[in-house]
Amino acid sequence: MTLLAQVDLPGLGQEGPGDLRSLLNASFILLSVGLVLGVLGHLTQLRGLVATGIALVFAGAACFVVAVGQFG
């Protein structure tokens, strides 16, 4: 996850908005954790874990859309 936090965004230098970086980091973390939980849920056949993973993936995607929509 630290690798995703270090991704250099085009057109976003050191003076870029910190809110965008924090929203993008949150979305990447939510997506990653959701995917891991979804896979673990499928491997263990626990429906609640799969549902939690899917919910986190959707939350991460929504956070990404908000970040892109807000900061262009």
PDB file of N, CA and C in Angstrom:
ATOM      1  N   MET A   1       0.808  -1.182   0.000  1.00  0.00           N
ATOM      2  CA  MET A   1       0.000   0.000   0.000  1.00  0.00           C
ATOM      3  C   MET A   1       0.858   1.254   0.000  1.00  0.00           C
ATOM      4  N   THR A   2       2.050   1.159   0.552  1.00  0.00           N
ATOM      5  CA  THR A   2       2.914   2.336   0.537  1.00  0.00           C
ATOM      6  C   THR A   2       3.351   2.661  -0.877  1.00  0.00           C
ATOM      7  N   LEU A   3       3.393   1.659  -1.740  1.00  0.00           N
ATOM      8  CA  LEU A   3       3.742   1.908  -3.136  1.00  0.00           C
ATOM      9  C   LEU A   3       2.673   2.765  -3.800  1.00  0.00           C
ATOM     10  N   LEU A   4       1.413   2.498  -3.522  1.00  0.00           N
ATOM     11  CA  LEU A   4       0.331   3.296  -4.095  1.00  0.00           C
ATOM     12  C   LEU A   4       0.354   4.724  -3.573  1.00  0.00           C
ATOM     13  N   ALA A   5       0.782   4.912  -2.334  1.00  0.00           N
ATOM     14  CA  ALA A   5       0.828   6.250  -1.765  1.00  0.00           C
ATOM     15  C   ALA A   5       1.935   7.097  -2.383  1.00  0.00           C
ATOM     16  N   GLN A   6       2.915   6.461  -3.013  1.00  0.00           N
ATOM     17  CA  GLN A   6       4.040   7.182  -3.589  1.00  0.00           C
ATOM     18  C   GLN A   6       3.891   7.418  -5.079  1.00  0.00           C
ATOM     19  N   VAL A   7       2.753   7.061  -5.654  1.00  0.00           N
ATOM     20  CA  VAL A   7       2.527   7.258  -7.077  1.00  0.00           C
ATOM     21  C   VAL A   7       2.507   8.750  -7.367  1.00  0.00           C
ATOM     22  N   ASP A   8       3.300   9.177  -8.359  1.00  0.00           N
ATOM     23  CA  ASP A   8       3.339  10.587  -8.731  1.00  0.00           C
ATOM     24  C   ASP A   8       2.187  10.870  -9.681  1.00  0.00           C
ATOM     25  N   LEU A   9       1.352  11.814  -9.314  1.00  0.00           N
ATOM     26  CA  LEU A   9       0.191  12.146 -10.117  1.00  0.00           C
ATOM     27  C   LEU A   9       0.564  13.203 -11.134  1.00  0.00           C
ATOM     28  N   PRO A  10       0.137  13.049 -12.397  1.00  0.00           N
ATOM     29  CA  PRO A  10       0.486  14.043 -13.418  1.00  0.00           C
ATOM     30  C   PRO A  10      -0.131  15.396 -13.098  1.00  0.00           C
ATOM     31  N   GLY A  11       0.684  16.429 -13.255  1.00  0.00           N
ATOM     32  CA  GLY A  11       0.208  17.779 -13.014  1.00  0.00           C
ATOM     33  C   GLY A  11       0.035  18.116 -11.552  1.00  0.00           C
ATOM     34  N   LEU A  12       0.551  17.288 -10.667  1.00  0.00           N
ATOM     35  CA  LEU A  12       0.389  17.518  -9.240  1.00  0.00           C
ATOM     36  C   LEU A  12       1.761  17.499  -8.600  1.00  0.00           C
ATOM     37  N   GLY A  13       2.334  18.657  -8.425  1.00  0.00           N
ATOM     38  CA  GLY A  13       3.658  18.760  -7.828  1.00  0.00           C
ATOM     39  C   GLY A  13       3.570  18.826  -6.321  1.00  0.00           C
ATOM     40  N   GLN A  14       4.621  19.340  -5.719  1.00  0.00           N
ATOM     41  CA  GLN A  14       4.644  19.473  -4.264  1.00  0.00           C
ATOM     42  C   GLN A  14       3.618  20.496  -3.785  1.00  0.00           C
ATOM     43  N   GLU A  15       3.269  21.446  -4.655  1.00  0.00           N
ATOM     44  CA  GLU A  15       2.315  22.470  -4.263  1.00  0.00           C
ATOM     45  C   GLU A  15       0.873  22.030  -4.490  1.00  0.00           C
ATOM     46  N   GLY A  16       0.647  20.803  -4.944  1.00  0.00           N
ATOM     47  CA  GLY A  16      -0.693  20.299  -5.239  1.00  0.00           C
ATOM     48  C   GLY A  16      -1.546  20.165  -4.001  1.00  0.00           C
ATOM     49  N   PRO A  17      -2.842  20.031  -4.192  1.00  0.00           N
ATOM     50  CA  PRO A  17      -3.756  19.965  -3.048  1.00  0.00           C
ATOM     51  C   PRO A  17      -3.567  18.691  -2.234  1.00  0.00           C
ATOM     52  N   GLY A  18      -3.397  18.866  -0.946  1.00  0.00           N
ATOM     53  CA  GLY A  18      -3.235  17.724  -0.054  1.00  0.00           C
ATOM     54  C   GLY A  18      -4.514  16.918   0.083  1.00  0.00           C
ATOM     55  N   ASP A  19      -5.655  17.586  -0.092  1.00  0.00           N
ATOM     56  CA  ASP A  19      -6.935  16.881   0.021  1.00  0.00           C
ATOM     57  C   ASP A  19      -7.082  15.837  -1.079  1.00  0.00           C
ATOM     58  N   LEU A  20      -6.604  16.154  -2.273  1.00  0.00           N
ATOM     59  CA  LEU A  20      -6.684  15.193  -3.366  1.00  0.00           C
ATOM     60  C   LEU A  20      -5.854  13.959  -3.054  1.00  0.00           C
ATOM     61  N   ARG A  21      -4.654  14.173  -2.578  1.00  0.00           N
ATOM     62  CA  ARG A  21      -3.795  13.034  -2.227  1.00  0.00           C
ATOM     63  C   ARG A  21      -4.427  12.181  -1.135  1.00  0.00           C
ATOM     64  N   SER A  22      -4.999  12.815  -0.129  1.00  0.00           N
ATOM     65  CA  SER A  22      -5.604  12.053   0.960  1.00  0.00           C
ATOM     66  C   SER A  22      -6.829  11.280   0.479  1.00  0.00           C
ATOM     67  N   LEU A  23      -7.633  11.883  -0.394  1.00  0.00           N
ATOM     68  CA  LEU A  23      -8.797  11.176  -0.931  1.00  0.00           C
ATOM     69  C   LEU A  23      -8.371  10.002  -1.819  1.00  0.00           C
ATOM     70  N   LEU A  24      -7.342  10.226  -2.634  1.00  0.00           N
ATOM     71  CA  LEU A  24      -6.872   9.139  -3.490  1.00  0.00           C
ATOM     72  C   LEU A  24      -6.242   8.024  -2.669  1.00  0.00           C
ATOM     73  N   ASN A  25      -5.480   8.374  -1.640  1.00  0.00           N
ATOM     74  CA  ASN A  25      -4.906   7.348  -0.766  1.00  0.00           C
ATOM     75  C   ASN A  25      -6.002   6.553  -0.072  1.00  0.00           C
ATOM     76  N   ALA A  26      -7.027   7.242   0.395  1.00  0.00           N
ATOM     77  CA  ALA A  26      -8.145   6.545   1.046  1.00  0.00           C
ATOM     78  C   ALA A  26      -8.839   5.599   0.069  1.00  0.00           C
ATOM     79  N   SER A  27      -9.024   6.047  -1.168  1.00  0.00           N
ATOM     80  CA  SER A  27      -9.700   5.189  -2.140  1.00  0.00           C
ATOM     81  C   SER A  27      -8.849   3.969  -2.476  1.00  0.00           C
ATOM     82  N   PHE A  28      -7.532   4.150  -2.625  1.00  0.00           N
ATOM     83  CA  PHE A  28      -6.656   3.008  -2.916  1.00  0.00           C
ATOM     84  C   PHE A  28      -6.631   2.020  -1.751  1.00  0.00           C
ATOM     85  N   ILE A  29      -6.626   2.530  -0.538  1.00  0.00           N
ATOM     86  CA  ILE A  29      -6.620   1.653   0.640  1.00  0.00           C
ATOM     87  C   ILE A  29      -7.940   0.895   0.737  1.00  0.00           C
ATOM     88  N   LEU A  30      -9.061   1.588   0.544  1.00  0.00           N
ATOM     89  CA  LEU A  30     -10.364   0.917   0.601  1.00  0.00           C
ATOM     90  C   LEU A  30     -10.488  -0.153  -0.476  1.00  0.00           C
ATOM     91  N   LEU A  31     -10.033   0.158  -1.687  1.00  0.00           N
ATOM     92  CA  LEU A  31     -10.087  -0.825  -2.771  1.00  0.00           C
ATOM     93  C   LEU A  31      -9.220  -2.041  -2.458  1.00  0.00           C
ATOM     94  N   SER A  32      -8.024  -1.807  -1.962  1.00  0.00           N
ATOM     95  CA  SER A  32      -7.111  -2.912  -1.661  1.00  0.00           C
ATOM     96  C   SER A  32      -7.648  -3.804  -0.552  1.00  0.00           C
ATOM     97  N   VAL A  33      -8.089  -3.191   0.526  1.00  0.00           N
ATOM     98  CA  VAL A  33      -8.621  -3.965   1.649  1.00  0.00           C
ATOM     99  C   VAL A  33      -9.890  -4.703   1.232  1.00  0.00           C
ATOM    100  N   GLY A  34     -10.728  -4.055   0.444  1.00  0.00           N
ATOM    101  CA  GLY A  34     -11.950  -4.709  -0.025  1.00  0.00           C
ATOM    102  C   GLY A  34     -11.662  -5.909  -0.902  1.00  0.00           C
ATOM    103  N   LEU A  35     -10.679  -5.783  -1.782  1.00  0.00           N
ATOM    104  CA  LEU A  35     -10.324  -6.919  -2.634  1.00  0.00           C
ATOM    105  C   LEU A  35      -9.770  -8.078  -1.816  1.00  0.00           C
ATOM    106  N   VAL A  36      -8.927  -7.761  -0.847  1.00  0.00           N
ATOM    107  CA  VAL A  36      -8.356  -8.817  -0.002  1.00  0.00           C
ATOM    108  C   VAL A  36      -9.449  -9.514   0.797  1.00  0.00           C
ATOM    109  N   LEU A  37     -10.350  -8.729   1.383  1.00  0.00           N
ATOM    110  CA  LEU A  37     -11.436  -9.330   2.168  1.00  0.00           C
ATOM    111  C   LEU A  37     -12.378 -10.139   1.281  1.00  0.00           C
ATOM    112  N   GLY A  38     -12.647  -9.661   0.082  1.00  0.00           N
ATOM    113  CA  GLY A  38     -13.499 -10.416  -0.829  1.00  0.00           C
ATOM    114  C   GLY A  38     -12.890 -11.753  -1.213  1.00  0.00           C
ATOM    115  N   VAL A  39     -11.601 -11.758  -1.497  1.00  0.00           N
ATOM    116  CA  VAL A  39     -10.917 -13.007  -1.846  1.00  0.00           C
ATOM    117  C   VAL A  39     -10.908 -13.953  -0.641  1.00  0.00           C
ATOM    118  N   LEU A  40     -10.590 -13.419   0.531  1.00  0.00           N
ATOM    119  CA  LEU A  40     -10.603 -14.265   1.729  1.00  0.00           C
ATOM    120  C   LEU A  40     -12.007 -14.816   2.001  1.00  0.00           C
ATOM    121  N   GLY A  41     -13.013 -14.000   1.775  1.00  0.00           N
ATOM    122  CA  GLY A  41     -14.387 -14.457   1.961  1.00  0.00           C
ATOM    123  C   GLY A  41     -14.757 -15.568   1.002  1.00  0.00           C
ATOM    124  N   HIS A  42     -14.282 -15.469  -0.238  1.00  0.00           N
ATOM    125  CA  HIS A  42     -14.554 -16.535  -1.203  1.00  0.00           C
ATOM    126  C   HIS A  42     -13.790 -17.804  -0.845  1.00  0.00           C
ATOM    127  N   LEU A  43     -12.566 -17.655  -0.372  1.00  0.00           N
ATOM    128  CA  LEU A  43     -11.786 -18.836  -0.004  1.00  0.00           C
ATOM    129  C   LEU A  43     -12.366 -19.548   1.207  1.00  0.00           C
ATOM    130  N   THR A  44     -12.860 -18.778   2.183  1.00  0.00           N
ATOM    131  CA  THR A  44     -13.429 -19.379   3.387  1.00  0.00           C
ATOM    132  C   THR A  44     -14.933 -19.604   3.274  1.00  0.00           C
ATOM    133  N   GLN A  45     -15.537 -19.149   2.200  1.00  0.00           N
ATOM    134  CA  GLN A  45     -16.965 -19.277   1.925  1.00  0.00           C
ATOM    135  C   GLN A  45     -17.823 -18.626   3.012  1.00  0.00           C
ATOM    136  N   LEU A  46     -17.366 -17.454   3.473  1.00  0.00           N
ATOM    137  CA  LEU A  46     -18.133 -16.671   4.434  1.00  0.00           C
ATOM    138  C   LEU A  46     -18.795 -15.512   3.703  1.00  0.00           C
ATOM    139  N   ARG A  47     -20.113 -15.546   3.622  1.00  0.00           N
ATOM    140  CA  ARG A  47     -20.847 -14.541   2.864  1.00  0.00           C
ATOM    141  C   ARG A  47     -20.695 -13.142   3.447  1.00  0.00           C
ATOM    142  N   GLY A  48     -20.613 -13.055   4.757  1.00  0.00           N
ATOM    143  CA  GLY A  48     -20.466 -11.750   5.394  1.00  0.00           C
ATOM    144  C   GLY A  48     -19.147 -11.084   5.030  1.00  0.00           C
ATOM    145  N   LEU A  49     -18.096 -11.868   4.942  1.00  0.00           N
ATOM    146  CA  LEU A  49     -16.786 -11.335   4.566  1.00  0.00           C
ATOM    147  C   LEU A  49     -16.772 -10.901   3.104  1.00  0.00           C
ATOM    148  N   VAL A  50     -17.428 -11.673   2.251  1.00  0.00           N
ATOM    149  CA  VAL A  50     -17.538 -11.291   0.835  1.00  0.00           C
ATOM    150  C   VAL A  50     -18.324  -9.996   0.709  1.00  0.00           C
ATOM    151  N   ALA A  51     -19.426  -9.886   1.426  1.00  0.00           N
ATOM    152  CA  ALA A  51     -20.254  -8.680   1.363  1.00  0.00           C
ATOM    153  C   ALA A  51     -19.497  -7.458   1.885  1.00  0.00           C
ATOM    154  N   THR A  52     -18.723  -7.639   2.942  1.00  0.00           N
ATOM    155  CA  THR A  52     -17.917  -6.536   3.465  1.00  0.00           C
ATOM    156  C   THR A  52     -16.869  -6.110   2.448  1.00  0.00           C
ATOM    157  N   GLY A  53     -16.239  -7.069   1.796  1.00  0.00           N
ATOM    158  CA  GLY A  53     -15.254  -6.757   0.763  1.00  0.00           C
ATOM    159  C   GLY A  53     -15.870  -5.993  -0.397  1.00  0.00           C
ATOM    160  N   ILE A  54     -17.037  -6.424  -0.834  1.00  0.00           N
ATOM    161  CA  ILE A  54     -17.724  -5.737  -1.931  1.00  0.00           C
ATOM    162  C   ILE A  54     -18.100  -4.322  -1.519  1.00  0.00           C
ATOM    163  N   ALA A  55     -18.587  -4.155  -0.296  1.00  0.00           N
ATOM    164  CA  ALA A  55     -18.956  -2.820   0.189  1.00  0.00           C
ATOM    165  C   ALA A  55     -17.745  -1.894   0.233  1.00  0.00           C
ATOM    166  N   LEU A  56     -16.592  -2.422   0.654  1.00  0.00           N
ATOM    167  CA  LEU A  56     -15.385  -1.595   0.708  1.00  0.00           C
ATOM    168  C   LEU A  56     -14.896  -1.226  -0.688  1.00  0.00           C
ATOM    169  N   VAL A  57     -15.036  -2.138  -1.636  1.00  0.00           N
ATOM    170  CA  VAL A  57     -14.647  -1.827  -3.016  1.00  0.00           C
ATOM    171  C   VAL A  57     -15.534  -0.718  -3.568  1.00  0.00           C
ATOM    172  N   PHE A  58     -16.841  -0.800  -3.318  1.00  0.00           N
ATOM    173  CA  PHE A  58     -17.743   0.254  -3.767  1.00  0.00           C
ATOM    174  C   PHE A  58     -17.437   1.579  -3.071  1.00  0.00           C
ATOM    175  N   ALA A  59     -17.121   1.541  -1.780  1.00  0.00           N
ATOM    176  CA  ALA A  59     -16.776   2.765  -1.059  1.00  0.00           C
ATOM    177  C   ALA A  59     -15.489   3.375  -1.615  1.00  0.00           C
ATOM    178  N   GLY A  60     -14.509   2.536  -1.945  1.00  0.00           N
ATOM    179  CA  GLY A  60     -13.274   3.041  -2.534  1.00  0.00           C
ATOM    180  C   GLY A  60     -13.500   3.644  -3.900  1.00  0.00           C
ATOM    181  N   ALA A  61     -14.355   3.021  -4.702  1.00  0.00           N
ATOM    182  CA  ALA A  61     -14.670   3.564  -6.023  1.00  0.00           C
ATOM    183  C   ALA A  61     -15.412   4.896  -5.889  1.00  0.00           C
ATOM    184  N   ALA A  62     -16.325   4.995  -4.940  1.00  0.00           N
ATOM    185  CA  ALA A  62     -17.048   6.248  -4.716  1.00  0.00           C
ATOM    186  C   ALA A  62     -16.100   7.349  -4.249  1.00  0.00           C
ATOM    187  N   CYS A  63     -15.171   7.000  -3.387  1.00  0.00           N
ATOM    188  CA  CYS A  63     -14.187   7.973  -2.910  1.00  0.00           C
ATOM    189  C   CYS A  63     -13.317   8.463  -4.062  1.00  0.00           C
ATOM    190  N   PHE A  64     -12.964   7.575  -4.976  1.00  0.00           N
ATOM    191  CA  PHE A  64     -12.171   7.951  -6.147  1.00  0.00           C
ATOM    192  C   PHE A  64     -12.962   8.903  -7.043  1.00  0.00           C
ATOM    193  N   VAL A  65     -14.237   8.614  -7.269  1.00  0.00           N
ATOM    194  CA  VAL A  65     -15.083   9.472  -8.106  1.00  0.00           C
ATOM    195  C   VAL A  65     -15.220  10.854  -7.466  1.00  0.00           C
ATOM    196  N   VAL A  66     -15.383  10.897  -6.166  1.00  0.00           N
ATOM    197  CA  VAL A  66     -15.484  12.191  -5.471  1.00  0.00           C
ATOM    198  C   VAL A  66     -14.182  12.970  -5.626  1.00  0.00           C
ATOM    199  N   ALA A  67     -13.043  12.284  -5.473  1.00  0.00           N
ATOM    200  CA  ALA A  67     -11.743  12.962  -5.597  1.00  0.00           C
ATOM    201  C   ALA A  67     -11.546  13.525  -7.003  1.00  0.00           C
ATOM    202  N   VAL A  68     -11.853  12.738  -7.996  1.00  0.00           N
ATOM    203  CA  VAL A  68     -11.662  13.192  -9.380  1.00  0.00           C
ATOM    204  C   VAL A  68     -12.657  14.288  -9.724  1.00  0.00           C
ATOM    205  N   GLY A  69     -13.898  14.148  -9.273  1.00  0.00           N
ATOM    206  CA  GLY A  69     -14.905  15.154  -9.556  1.00  0.00           C
ATOM    207  C   GLY A  69     -14.647  16.475  -8.849  1.00  0.00           C
ATOM    208  N   GLN A  70     -14.097  16.399  -7.653  1.00  0.00           N
ATOM    209  CA  GLN A  70     -13.876  17.597  -6.888  1.00  0.00           C
ATOM    210  C   GLN A  70     -12.643  18.371  -7.359  1.00  0.00           C
ATOM    211  N   PHE A  71     -11.599  17.653  -7.752  1.00  0.00           N
ATOM    212  CA  PHE A  71     -10.342  18.305  -8.106  1.00  0.00           C
ATOM    213  C   PHE A  71     -10.021  18.224  -9.592  1.00  0.00           C
ATOM    214  N   GLY A  72     -10.831  17.541 -10.368  1.00  0.00           N
ATOM    215  CA  GLY A  72     -10.643  17.455 -11.812  1.00  0.00           C
ATOM    216  C   GLY A  72      -9.443  16.726 -12.141  1.00  0.00           C
TER     217      GLY A  72
END
